[in-house]
Amino acid sequence: MNLEVESKFAVASPTAVRGRLEQIGARAGPQQLQVDTYYAHPARDFWRSREAFRWRRRNQSNVLTYKGPQLPGPTKSRAEIELAVADGEAGARSCAALLDALGFTPIATVRKRRVTLRLGWQGWDVEVALDQVDGLGAFVEVEILCGEGELGPAQEAVRSLAAAVGLEAPEPRTYLELMLHHRTPPAGRP
């Protein structure tokens, strides 16, 4: 199983960070609109278990993602399983119908415009996302996917790259947590 190892940073100028990344060899892809709808499980409390389940619409693609509980360490690291479903509006309708039929209920939607940069760093393929998140502001995420036995070195590479481009004070909360913090929390949740 792959582990997602990442750190997120609130930034005033994503353009400045992009410039520093490009100076060390990062290459940017096109901007994408991502709409992430997070769901509550009908029989498990993902909030308490620190898991997440979302449906991401990225341009015309539809992807379901499960994120396991966070592992200890200096980065946000956890198991991640992604499953692509049919593209386009027909795929979106089918995905929504399936989740509804299984008893999943939407709890929040996070909309963001994302530019993804890729580069090699200390032997790792690193993805850096420059995000403009509706209602929350600008963020940079530094991410590596690794195997279970590679967690420590991957965490160190994420920290090292972040420091090299001047990113300080990681934001430990997910976009979902930040979004829920900015509105009245659901009953029984902080």
N, C-alpha and C. Protein backbone atom coordinates (compact mmCIF):
# COMPACT_ATOMS: atom_id res chain seq x y z
N MET A 1 0.84 -1.18 0.00
CA MET A 1 0.00 0.00 0.00
C MET A 1 0.89 1.24 0.00
N ASN A 2 0.51 2.21 -0.80
CA ASN A 2 1.25 3.47 -0.84
C ASN A 2 0.93 4.34 0.35
N LEU A 3 1.93 5.07 0.80
CA LEU A 3 1.75 6.07 1.83
C LEU A 3 1.90 7.44 1.18
N GLU A 4 1.02 8.35 1.54
CA GLU A 4 1.12 9.74 1.13
C GLU A 4 1.85 10.48 2.24
N VAL A 5 2.95 11.14 1.90
CA VAL A 5 3.75 11.90 2.86
C VAL A 5 3.71 13.34 2.39
N GLU A 6 3.13 14.22 3.20
CA GLU A 6 3.00 15.61 2.74
C GLU A 6 3.08 16.60 3.88
N SER A 7 3.40 17.82 3.51
CA SER A 7 3.30 18.97 4.40
C SER A 7 2.62 20.08 3.61
N LYS A 8 1.74 20.81 4.30
CA LYS A 8 0.99 21.91 3.69
C LYS A 8 1.38 23.20 4.39
N PHE A 9 1.44 24.29 3.62
CA PHE A 9 1.84 25.59 4.15
C PHE A 9 0.91 26.67 3.61
N ALA A 10 0.40 27.52 4.47
CA ALA A 10 -0.32 28.71 4.03
C ALA A 10 0.75 29.69 3.52
N VAL A 11 0.49 30.33 2.38
CA VAL A 11 1.47 31.24 1.80
C VAL A 11 0.80 32.53 1.35
N ALA A 12 1.57 33.60 1.38
CA ALA A 12 1.07 34.88 0.89
C ALA A 12 1.23 34.98 -0.62
N SER A 13 2.33 34.38 -1.15
CA SER A 13 2.61 34.51 -2.58
C SER A 13 2.99 33.16 -3.19
N PRO A 14 2.00 32.43 -3.73
CA PRO A 14 2.33 31.18 -4.42
C PRO A 14 3.24 31.41 -5.63
N THR A 15 3.16 32.59 -6.23
CA THR A 15 4.00 32.91 -7.39
C THR A 15 5.47 32.92 -7.00
N ALA A 16 5.79 33.47 -5.83
CA ALA A 16 7.18 33.50 -5.36
C ALA A 16 7.69 32.08 -5.11
N VAL A 17 6.84 31.23 -4.50
CA VAL A 17 7.24 29.84 -4.24
C VAL A 17 7.46 29.12 -5.57
N ARG A 18 6.56 29.36 -6.53
CA ARG A 18 6.70 28.73 -7.84
C ARG A 18 8.03 29.12 -8.49
N GLY A 19 8.39 30.39 -8.39
CA GLY A 19 9.66 30.84 -8.95
C GLY A 19 10.84 30.12 -8.32
N ARG A 20 10.84 29.96 -7.00
CA ARG A 20 11.94 29.27 -6.32
C ARG A 20 11.99 27.80 -6.73
N LEU A 21 10.82 27.17 -6.88
CA LEU A 21 10.77 25.77 -7.31
C LEU A 21 11.29 25.61 -8.73
N GLU A 22 10.90 26.50 -9.61
CA GLU A 22 11.37 26.41 -11.00
C GLU A 22 12.87 26.63 -11.10
N GLN A 23 13.44 27.44 -10.20
CA GLN A 23 14.89 27.66 -10.20
C GLN A 23 15.65 26.38 -9.88
N ILE A 24 15.03 25.45 -9.14
CA ILE A 24 15.71 24.19 -8.81
C ILE A 24 15.21 23.03 -9.68
N GLY A 25 14.52 23.37 -10.78
CA GLY A 25 14.19 22.35 -11.76
C GLY A 25 12.76 21.86 -11.82
N ALA A 26 11.86 22.42 -11.04
CA ALA A 26 10.46 21.98 -11.07
C ALA A 26 9.81 22.39 -12.38
N ARG A 27 8.93 21.54 -12.88
CA ARG A 27 8.17 21.81 -14.10
C ARG A 27 6.69 21.80 -13.76
N ALA A 28 6.00 22.85 -14.20
CA ALA A 28 4.58 23.01 -13.87
C ALA A 28 3.68 22.43 -14.95
N GLY A 29 2.58 21.86 -14.51
CA GLY A 29 1.53 21.43 -15.41
C GLY A 29 0.46 22.51 -15.50
N PRO A 30 -0.62 22.24 -16.22
CA PRO A 30 -1.68 23.23 -16.36
C PRO A 30 -2.50 23.38 -15.08
N GLN A 31 -3.15 24.50 -14.94
CA GLN A 31 -4.04 24.70 -13.80
C GLN A 31 -5.27 23.81 -13.96
N GLN A 32 -5.73 23.27 -12.84
CA GLN A 32 -6.93 22.43 -12.82
C GLN A 32 -7.89 22.96 -11.77
N LEU A 33 -9.17 22.75 -12.02
CA LEU A 33 -10.18 22.99 -11.00
C LEU A 33 -10.45 21.65 -10.34
N GLN A 34 -10.32 21.60 -9.02
CA GLN A 34 -10.62 20.37 -8.27
C GLN A 34 -11.75 20.67 -7.30
N VAL A 35 -12.75 19.80 -7.32
CA VAL A 35 -13.88 19.91 -6.40
C VAL A 35 -13.91 18.62 -5.60
N ASP A 36 -13.59 18.72 -4.30
CA ASP A 36 -13.52 17.56 -3.41
C ASP A 36 -14.72 17.57 -2.48
N THR A 37 -15.53 16.52 -2.58
CA THR A 37 -16.66 16.37 -1.65
C THR A 37 -16.31 15.25 -0.68
N TYR A 38 -16.31 15.57 0.61
CA TYR A 38 -15.97 14.62 1.66
C TYR A 38 -17.25 14.01 2.21
N TYR A 39 -17.16 12.72 2.56
CA TYR A 39 -18.34 11.96 2.97
C TYR A 39 -18.17 11.35 4.35
N ALA A 40 -19.30 11.25 5.04
CA ALA A 40 -19.38 10.52 6.30
C ALA A 40 -19.79 9.09 5.98
N HIS A 41 -19.17 8.14 6.64
CA HIS A 41 -19.48 6.72 6.48
C HIS A 41 -20.76 6.41 7.26
N PRO A 42 -21.59 5.52 6.76
CA PRO A 42 -22.85 5.22 7.47
C PRO A 42 -22.66 4.48 8.78
N ALA A 43 -21.51 3.82 9.00
CA ALA A 43 -21.35 3.03 10.22
C ALA A 43 -20.06 3.31 10.99
N ARG A 44 -19.17 4.13 10.44
CA ARG A 44 -17.90 4.47 11.09
C ARG A 44 -17.79 5.96 11.20
N ASP A 45 -17.17 6.42 12.27
CA ASP A 45 -16.95 7.85 12.46
C ASP A 45 -15.55 8.21 11.99
N PHE A 46 -15.45 8.66 10.74
CA PHE A 46 -14.15 9.03 10.18
C PHE A 46 -13.51 10.17 10.97
N TRP A 47 -14.31 11.03 11.56
CA TRP A 47 -13.76 12.15 12.32
C TRP A 47 -12.94 11.63 13.49
N ARG A 48 -13.50 10.67 14.22
CA ARG A 48 -12.80 10.11 15.38
C ARG A 48 -11.61 9.24 14.97
N SER A 49 -11.75 8.48 13.90
CA SER A 49 -10.67 7.58 13.49
C SER A 49 -9.58 8.30 12.68
N ARG A 50 -9.82 9.57 12.34
CA ARG A 50 -8.87 10.39 11.58
C ARG A 50 -8.67 9.86 10.16
N GLU A 51 -9.72 9.26 9.61
CA GLU A 51 -9.72 8.80 8.23
C GLU A 51 -10.49 9.82 7.39
N ALA A 52 -10.42 9.65 6.07
CA ALA A 52 -11.19 10.53 5.18
C ALA A 52 -11.58 9.73 3.94
N PHE A 53 -12.74 10.10 3.40
CA PHE A 53 -13.21 9.51 2.15
C PHE A 53 -13.78 10.65 1.32
N ARG A 54 -13.28 10.77 0.09
CA ARG A 54 -13.73 11.88 -0.73
C ARG A 54 -13.94 11.43 -2.18
N TRP A 55 -14.74 12.24 -2.86
CA TRP A 55 -14.93 12.13 -4.30
C TRP A 55 -14.35 13.40 -4.90
N ARG A 56 -13.35 13.26 -5.76
CA ARG A 56 -12.72 14.41 -6.39
C ARG A 56 -13.13 14.47 -7.86
N ARG A 57 -13.62 15.64 -8.23
CA ARG A 57 -13.84 15.94 -9.65
C ARG A 57 -12.71 16.85 -10.08
N ARG A 58 -11.92 16.38 -11.02
CA ARG A 58 -10.77 17.14 -11.52
C ARG A 58 -11.01 17.30 -13.02
N ASN A 59 -11.38 18.53 -13.40
CA ASN A 59 -11.80 18.78 -14.77
C ASN A 59 -12.90 17.76 -15.10
N GLN A 60 -12.68 16.82 -16.00
CA GLN A 60 -13.72 15.83 -16.34
C GLN A 60 -13.55 14.48 -15.64
N SER A 61 -12.46 14.30 -14.88
CA SER A 61 -12.24 13.01 -14.24
C SER A 61 -12.91 12.94 -12.87
N ASN A 62 -13.22 11.73 -12.46
CA ASN A 62 -13.85 11.45 -11.17
C ASN A 62 -13.01 10.39 -10.45
N VAL A 63 -12.59 10.67 -9.22
CA VAL A 63 -11.74 9.76 -8.46
C VAL A 63 -12.27 9.66 -7.03
N LEU A 64 -12.39 8.44 -6.53
CA LEU A 64 -12.71 8.21 -5.12
C LEU A 64 -11.40 7.96 -4.39
N THR A 65 -11.24 8.58 -3.22
CA THR A 65 -10.01 8.44 -2.44
C THR A 65 -10.34 8.14 -0.99
N TYR A 66 -9.69 7.10 -0.46
CA TYR A 66 -9.73 6.79 0.97
C TYR A 66 -8.37 7.15 1.53
N LYS A 67 -8.37 7.87 2.67
CA LYS A 67 -7.13 8.19 3.37
C LYS A 67 -7.22 7.62 4.77
N GLY A 68 -6.23 6.80 5.13
CA GLY A 68 -6.20 6.16 6.43
C GLY A 68 -5.83 7.12 7.55
N PRO A 69 -5.81 6.61 8.78
CA PRO A 69 -5.42 7.44 9.92
C PRO A 69 -3.99 7.96 9.75
N GLN A 70 -3.74 9.13 10.30
CA GLN A 70 -2.42 9.73 10.19
C GLN A 70 -1.41 8.96 11.04
N LEU A 71 -0.22 8.81 10.48
CA LEU A 71 0.88 8.14 11.16
C LEU A 71 1.70 9.18 11.91
N PRO A 72 2.42 8.76 12.96
CA PRO A 72 3.24 9.73 13.68
C PRO A 72 4.40 10.22 12.83
N GLY A 73 4.87 11.42 13.15
CA GLY A 73 6.04 11.96 12.46
C GLY A 73 5.88 13.42 12.14
N PRO A 74 6.91 13.99 11.54
CA PRO A 74 6.93 15.43 11.31
C PRO A 74 6.11 15.89 10.11
N THR A 75 5.56 14.95 9.33
CA THR A 75 4.73 15.29 8.19
C THR A 75 3.38 14.62 8.36
N LYS A 76 2.42 15.01 7.54
CA LYS A 76 1.14 14.33 7.52
C LYS A 76 1.33 13.13 6.60
N SER A 77 1.34 11.93 7.18
CA SER A 77 1.62 10.70 6.44
C SER A 77 0.52 9.70 6.74
N ARG A 78 -0.01 9.08 5.66
CA ARG A 78 -1.06 8.09 5.85
C ARG A 78 -1.27 7.28 4.59
N ALA A 79 -1.89 6.11 4.76
CA ALA A 79 -2.21 5.26 3.61
C ALA A 79 -3.21 6.00 2.73
N GLU A 80 -3.07 5.78 1.41
CA GLU A 80 -3.99 6.41 0.47
C GLU A 80 -4.34 5.39 -0.61
N ILE A 81 -5.62 5.24 -0.86
CA ILE A 81 -6.10 4.37 -1.93
C ILE A 81 -6.99 5.20 -2.83
N GLU A 82 -6.66 5.22 -4.14
CA GLU A 82 -7.46 5.98 -5.10
C GLU A 82 -8.04 5.02 -6.13
N LEU A 83 -9.27 5.33 -6.52
CA LEU A 83 -9.97 4.53 -7.51
C LEU A 83 -10.62 5.47 -8.53
N ALA A 84 -10.16 5.39 -9.77
CA ALA A 84 -10.77 6.20 -10.83
C ALA A 84 -12.12 5.59 -11.20
N VAL A 85 -13.10 6.44 -11.40
CA VAL A 85 -14.41 6.01 -11.89
C VAL A 85 -14.65 6.70 -13.23
N ALA A 86 -15.75 6.38 -13.89
CA ALA A 86 -16.01 6.90 -15.23
C ALA A 86 -15.92 8.43 -15.26
N ASP A 87 -15.36 8.95 -16.35
CA ASP A 87 -15.20 10.39 -16.54
C ASP A 87 -16.51 11.07 -16.91
N GLY A 88 -16.51 12.39 -16.80
CA GLY A 88 -17.61 13.22 -17.29
C GLY A 88 -18.83 13.23 -16.39
N GLU A 89 -19.88 13.87 -16.91
CA GLU A 89 -21.12 14.04 -16.14
C GLU A 89 -21.81 12.71 -15.85
N ALA A 90 -21.80 11.80 -16.81
CA ALA A 90 -22.43 10.49 -16.58
C ALA A 90 -21.72 9.76 -15.44
N GLY A 91 -20.40 9.81 -15.43
CA GLY A 91 -19.64 9.20 -14.34
C GLY A 91 -19.92 9.87 -13.01
N ALA A 92 -20.05 11.20 -13.02
CA ALA A 92 -20.35 11.94 -11.79
C ALA A 92 -21.72 11.54 -11.24
N ARG A 93 -22.71 11.43 -12.11
CA ARG A 93 -24.05 11.03 -11.66
C ARG A 93 -24.03 9.61 -11.08
N SER A 94 -23.32 8.70 -11.74
CA SER A 94 -23.23 7.33 -11.25
C SER A 94 -22.52 7.27 -9.90
N CYS A 95 -21.44 8.04 -9.77
CA CYS A 95 -20.69 8.07 -8.51
C CYS A 95 -21.57 8.59 -7.38
N ALA A 96 -22.27 9.69 -7.62
CA ALA A 96 -23.16 10.25 -6.59
C ALA A 96 -24.26 9.26 -6.22
N ALA A 97 -24.83 8.58 -7.20
CA ALA A 97 -25.89 7.61 -6.94
C ALA A 97 -25.37 6.42 -6.12
N LEU A 98 -24.17 5.95 -6.45
CA LEU A 98 -23.57 4.84 -5.71
C LEU A 98 -23.33 5.21 -4.25
N LEU A 99 -22.72 6.36 -4.03
CA LEU A 99 -22.44 6.79 -2.65
C LEU A 99 -23.72 6.95 -1.85
N ASP A 100 -24.75 7.53 -2.47
CA ASP A 100 -26.04 7.69 -1.81
C ASP A 100 -26.66 6.32 -1.49
N ALA A 101 -26.62 5.40 -2.43
CA ALA A 101 -27.21 4.07 -2.22
C ALA A 101 -26.51 3.31 -1.10
N LEU A 102 -25.21 3.56 -0.91
CA LEU A 102 -24.45 2.89 0.14
C LEU A 102 -24.57 3.59 1.50
N GLY A 103 -25.26 4.71 1.55
CA GLY A 103 -25.49 5.39 2.82
C GLY A 103 -24.46 6.44 3.19
N PHE A 104 -23.55 6.75 2.28
CA PHE A 104 -22.58 7.82 2.56
C PHE A 104 -23.29 9.16 2.44
N THR A 105 -22.96 10.10 3.32
CA THR A 105 -23.58 11.42 3.26
C THR A 105 -22.49 12.49 3.13
N PRO A 106 -22.70 13.46 2.23
CA PRO A 106 -21.70 14.51 2.06
C PRO A 106 -21.66 15.42 3.30
N ILE A 107 -20.43 15.80 3.70
CA ILE A 107 -20.31 16.70 4.85
C ILE A 107 -19.74 18.07 4.48
N ALA A 108 -18.94 18.13 3.42
CA ALA A 108 -18.39 19.42 2.99
C ALA A 108 -17.76 19.27 1.62
N THR A 109 -17.72 20.38 0.89
CA THR A 109 -17.08 20.41 -0.42
C THR A 109 -16.00 21.49 -0.41
N VAL A 110 -14.82 21.12 -0.87
CA VAL A 110 -13.68 22.02 -0.95
C VAL A 110 -13.38 22.24 -2.43
N ARG A 111 -13.42 23.50 -2.87
CA ARG A 111 -13.11 23.86 -4.27
C ARG A 111 -11.76 24.57 -4.30
N LYS A 112 -10.94 24.14 -5.23
CA LYS A 112 -9.63 24.79 -5.35
C LYS A 112 -9.16 24.77 -6.79
N ARG A 113 -8.35 25.78 -7.11
CA ARG A 113 -7.63 25.83 -8.37
C ARG A 113 -6.20 25.42 -8.04
N ARG A 114 -5.71 24.41 -8.76
CA ARG A 114 -4.41 23.82 -8.44
C ARG A 114 -3.50 23.81 -9.65
N VAL A 115 -2.24 24.22 -9.42
CA VAL A 115 -1.17 24.03 -10.38
C VAL A 115 -0.20 23.05 -9.73
N THR A 116 0.11 21.97 -10.43
CA THR A 116 1.01 20.95 -9.91
C THR A 116 2.37 21.06 -10.57
N LEU A 117 3.40 21.09 -9.74
CA LEU A 117 4.78 21.08 -10.22
C LEU A 117 5.42 19.76 -9.82
N ARG A 118 6.31 19.27 -10.65
CA ARG A 118 7.02 18.02 -10.34
C ARG A 118 8.52 18.26 -10.44
N LEU A 119 9.26 17.59 -9.56
CA LEU A 119 10.71 17.66 -9.62
C LEU A 119 11.31 16.47 -8.89
N GLY A 120 12.56 16.19 -9.22
CA GLY A 120 13.32 15.19 -8.49
C GLY A 120 14.03 15.88 -7.34
N TRP A 121 13.98 15.26 -6.16
CA TRP A 121 14.64 15.85 -4.99
C TRP A 121 15.14 14.71 -4.11
N GLN A 122 16.45 14.66 -3.89
CA GLN A 122 17.08 13.65 -3.05
C GLN A 122 16.65 12.23 -3.45
N GLY A 123 16.52 12.00 -4.76
CA GLY A 123 16.16 10.68 -5.26
C GLY A 123 14.67 10.37 -5.28
N TRP A 124 13.85 11.34 -4.92
CA TRP A 124 12.40 11.15 -4.89
C TRP A 124 11.72 11.93 -6.00
N ASP A 125 10.61 11.40 -6.49
CA ASP A 125 9.73 12.13 -7.39
C ASP A 125 8.77 12.91 -6.50
N VAL A 126 8.89 14.22 -6.51
CA VAL A 126 8.10 15.07 -5.61
C VAL A 126 7.05 15.84 -6.40
N GLU A 127 5.86 15.89 -5.83
CA GLU A 127 4.78 16.71 -6.40
C GLU A 127 4.54 17.88 -5.46
N VAL A 128 4.52 19.07 -6.03
CA VAL A 128 4.23 20.27 -5.25
C VAL A 128 2.99 20.91 -5.85
N ALA A 129 1.98 21.11 -5.01
CA ALA A 129 0.72 21.70 -5.47
C ALA A 129 0.62 23.13 -4.96
N LEU A 130 0.33 24.04 -5.89
CA LEU A 130 0.03 25.42 -5.54
C LEU A 130 -1.48 25.56 -5.60
N ASP A 131 -2.11 25.74 -4.45
CA ASP A 131 -3.57 25.73 -4.35
C ASP A 131 -4.12 27.09 -3.97
N GLN A 132 -5.18 27.50 -4.65
CA GLN A 132 -6.00 28.64 -4.24
C GLN A 132 -7.34 28.03 -3.85
N VAL A 133 -7.61 27.98 -2.54
CA VAL A 133 -8.77 27.27 -2.01
C VAL A 133 -9.86 28.28 -1.68
N ASP A 134 -11.03 28.08 -2.28
CA ASP A 134 -12.16 28.98 -2.03
C ASP A 134 -12.45 29.07 -0.54
N GLY A 135 -12.49 30.30 -0.03
CA GLY A 135 -12.82 30.54 1.37
C GLY A 135 -11.67 30.36 2.34
N LEU A 136 -10.52 29.84 1.87
CA LEU A 136 -9.41 29.59 2.78
C LEU A 136 -8.12 30.33 2.41
N GLY A 137 -7.88 30.55 1.11
CA GLY A 137 -6.68 31.25 0.69
C GLY A 137 -5.71 30.38 -0.08
N ALA A 138 -4.43 30.82 -0.09
CA ALA A 138 -3.39 30.17 -0.88
C ALA A 138 -2.55 29.24 0.00
N PHE A 139 -2.26 28.06 -0.57
CA PHE A 139 -1.47 27.04 0.13
C PHE A 139 -0.52 26.38 -0.84
N VAL A 140 0.54 25.80 -0.27
CA VAL A 140 1.46 24.96 -1.02
C VAL A 140 1.54 23.62 -0.30
N GLU A 141 1.39 22.53 -1.06
CA GLU A 141 1.54 21.19 -0.51
C GLU A 141 2.74 20.52 -1.18
N VAL A 142 3.61 19.94 -0.37
CA VAL A 142 4.77 19.18 -0.85
C VAL A 142 4.47 17.72 -0.53
N GLU A 143 4.49 16.85 -1.56
CA GLU A 143 4.04 15.47 -1.37
C GLU A 143 4.93 14.46 -2.07
N ILE A 144 5.13 13.34 -1.38
CA ILE A 144 5.82 12.17 -1.93
C ILE A 144 4.95 10.96 -1.64
N LEU A 145 4.86 10.05 -2.61
CA LEU A 145 4.24 8.74 -2.39
C LEU A 145 5.36 7.74 -2.19
N CYS A 146 5.24 6.90 -1.15
CA CYS A 146 6.31 5.94 -0.86
C CYS A 146 5.72 4.64 -0.34
N GLY A 147 6.56 3.64 -0.25
CA GLY A 147 6.19 2.38 0.37
C GLY A 147 6.33 2.48 1.89
N GLU A 148 5.77 1.50 2.59
CA GLU A 148 5.76 1.54 4.06
C GLU A 148 7.16 1.60 4.66
N GLY A 149 8.14 0.93 4.06
CA GLY A 149 9.49 0.91 4.60
C GLY A 149 10.30 2.16 4.30
N GLU A 150 9.71 3.11 3.57
CA GLU A 150 10.44 4.31 3.15
C GLU A 150 9.94 5.58 3.85
N LEU A 151 9.13 5.44 4.86
CA LEU A 151 8.48 6.59 5.48
C LEU A 151 9.47 7.63 6.00
N GLY A 152 10.45 7.22 6.80
CA GLY A 152 11.41 8.17 7.38
C GLY A 152 12.15 8.99 6.33
N PRO A 153 12.79 8.34 5.34
CA PRO A 153 13.49 9.11 4.31
C PRO A 153 12.55 10.00 3.50
N ALA A 154 11.33 9.56 3.24
CA ALA A 154 10.38 10.40 2.49
C ALA A 154 9.99 11.63 3.31
N GLN A 155 9.78 11.45 4.61
CA GLN A 155 9.45 12.59 5.47
C GLN A 155 10.59 13.59 5.48
N GLU A 156 11.82 13.11 5.55
CA GLU A 156 12.98 14.01 5.57
C GLU A 156 13.10 14.76 4.25
N ALA A 157 12.83 14.10 3.13
CA ALA A 157 12.91 14.77 1.82
C ALA A 157 11.85 15.86 1.71
N VAL A 158 10.64 15.60 2.19
CA VAL A 158 9.57 16.63 2.17
C VAL A 158 10.00 17.82 3.00
N ARG A 159 10.50 17.57 4.20
CA ARG A 159 10.95 18.67 5.07
C ARG A 159 12.10 19.45 4.43
N SER A 160 13.04 18.74 3.83
CA SER A 160 14.20 19.37 3.22
C SER A 160 13.81 20.27 2.04
N LEU A 161 12.94 19.78 1.17
CA LEU A 161 12.51 20.59 0.03
C LEU A 161 11.74 21.82 0.50
N ALA A 162 10.85 21.64 1.46
CA ALA A 162 10.09 22.78 1.98
C ALA A 162 11.04 23.85 2.51
N ALA A 163 12.04 23.44 3.27
CA ALA A 163 13.01 24.41 3.80
C ALA A 163 13.80 25.08 2.68
N ALA A 164 14.16 24.31 1.65
CA ALA A 164 14.96 24.86 0.56
C ALA A 164 14.24 25.96 -0.21
N VAL A 165 12.91 25.92 -0.24
CA VAL A 165 12.16 26.96 -0.96
C VAL A 165 11.50 27.95 0.00
N GLY A 166 11.90 27.92 1.27
CA GLY A 166 11.45 28.93 2.22
C GLY A 166 10.08 28.72 2.83
N LEU A 167 9.61 27.48 2.83
CA LEU A 167 8.30 27.21 3.46
C LEU A 167 8.51 26.86 4.92
N GLU A 168 7.81 27.59 5.79
CA GLU A 168 7.95 27.40 7.23
C GLU A 168 6.58 27.20 7.86
N ALA A 169 6.54 26.67 9.04
CA ALA A 169 5.32 26.50 9.84
C ALA A 169 4.24 25.71 9.09
N PRO A 170 4.42 24.39 8.99
CA PRO A 170 3.42 23.58 8.31
C PRO A 170 2.05 23.68 8.97
N GLU A 171 1.02 23.65 8.14
CA GLU A 171 -0.38 23.63 8.60
C GLU A 171 -0.77 22.16 8.75
N PRO A 172 -0.99 21.69 9.99
CA PRO A 172 -1.27 20.27 10.18
C PRO A 172 -2.69 19.84 9.80
N ARG A 173 -3.60 20.79 9.70
CA ARG A 173 -4.99 20.43 9.40
C ARG A 173 -5.21 20.23 7.90
N THR A 174 -6.15 19.37 7.59
CA THR A 174 -6.54 19.15 6.21
C THR A 174 -7.41 20.31 5.75
N TYR A 175 -7.62 20.40 4.43
CA TYR A 175 -8.54 21.42 3.92
C TYR A 175 -9.94 21.21 4.51
N LEU A 176 -10.35 19.97 4.66
CA LEU A 176 -11.66 19.69 5.26
C LEU A 176 -11.72 20.24 6.68
N GLU A 177 -10.71 19.98 7.49
CA GLU A 177 -10.69 20.50 8.86
C GLU A 177 -10.71 22.02 8.87
N LEU A 178 -9.93 22.64 7.99
CA LEU A 178 -9.93 24.10 7.92
C LEU A 178 -11.30 24.63 7.52
N MET A 179 -11.93 23.98 6.55
CA MET A 179 -13.25 24.39 6.08
C MET A 179 -14.28 24.26 7.21
N LEU A 180 -14.27 23.14 7.90
CA LEU A 180 -15.22 22.93 8.99
C LEU A 180 -14.97 23.89 10.15
N HIS A 181 -13.72 24.24 10.36
CA HIS A 181 -13.37 25.20 11.43
C HIS A 181 -13.99 26.58 11.15
N HIS A 182 -14.13 26.91 9.85
CA HIS A 182 -14.66 28.21 9.47
C HIS A 182 -16.19 28.28 9.43
N ARG A 183 -16.85 27.17 9.75
CA ARG A 183 -18.31 27.19 9.81
C ARG A 183 -18.74 26.47 11.08
N THR A 184 -20.00 26.49 11.39
CA THR A 184 -20.49 25.85 12.61
C THR A 184 -20.25 24.35 12.52
N PRO A 185 -19.56 23.76 13.49
CA PRO A 185 -19.28 22.33 13.41
C PRO A 185 -20.55 21.49 13.52
N PRO A 186 -20.55 20.32 12.86
CA PRO A 186 -21.69 19.41 13.01
C PRO A 186 -21.83 18.95 14.46
N ALA A 187 -23.03 18.56 14.84
CA ALA A 187 -23.29 18.10 16.21
C ALA A 187 -22.32 16.98 16.58
N GLY A 188 -21.75 17.06 17.78
CA GLY A 188 -20.86 16.04 18.27
C GLY A 188 -19.45 16.12 17.73
N ARG A 189 -19.13 17.15 16.96
CA ARG A 189 -17.79 17.29 16.41
C ARG A 189 -17.19 18.61 16.84
N PRO A 190 -15.89 18.63 17.05
CA PRO A 190 -15.24 19.88 17.47
C PRO A 190 -15.24 20.93 16.39
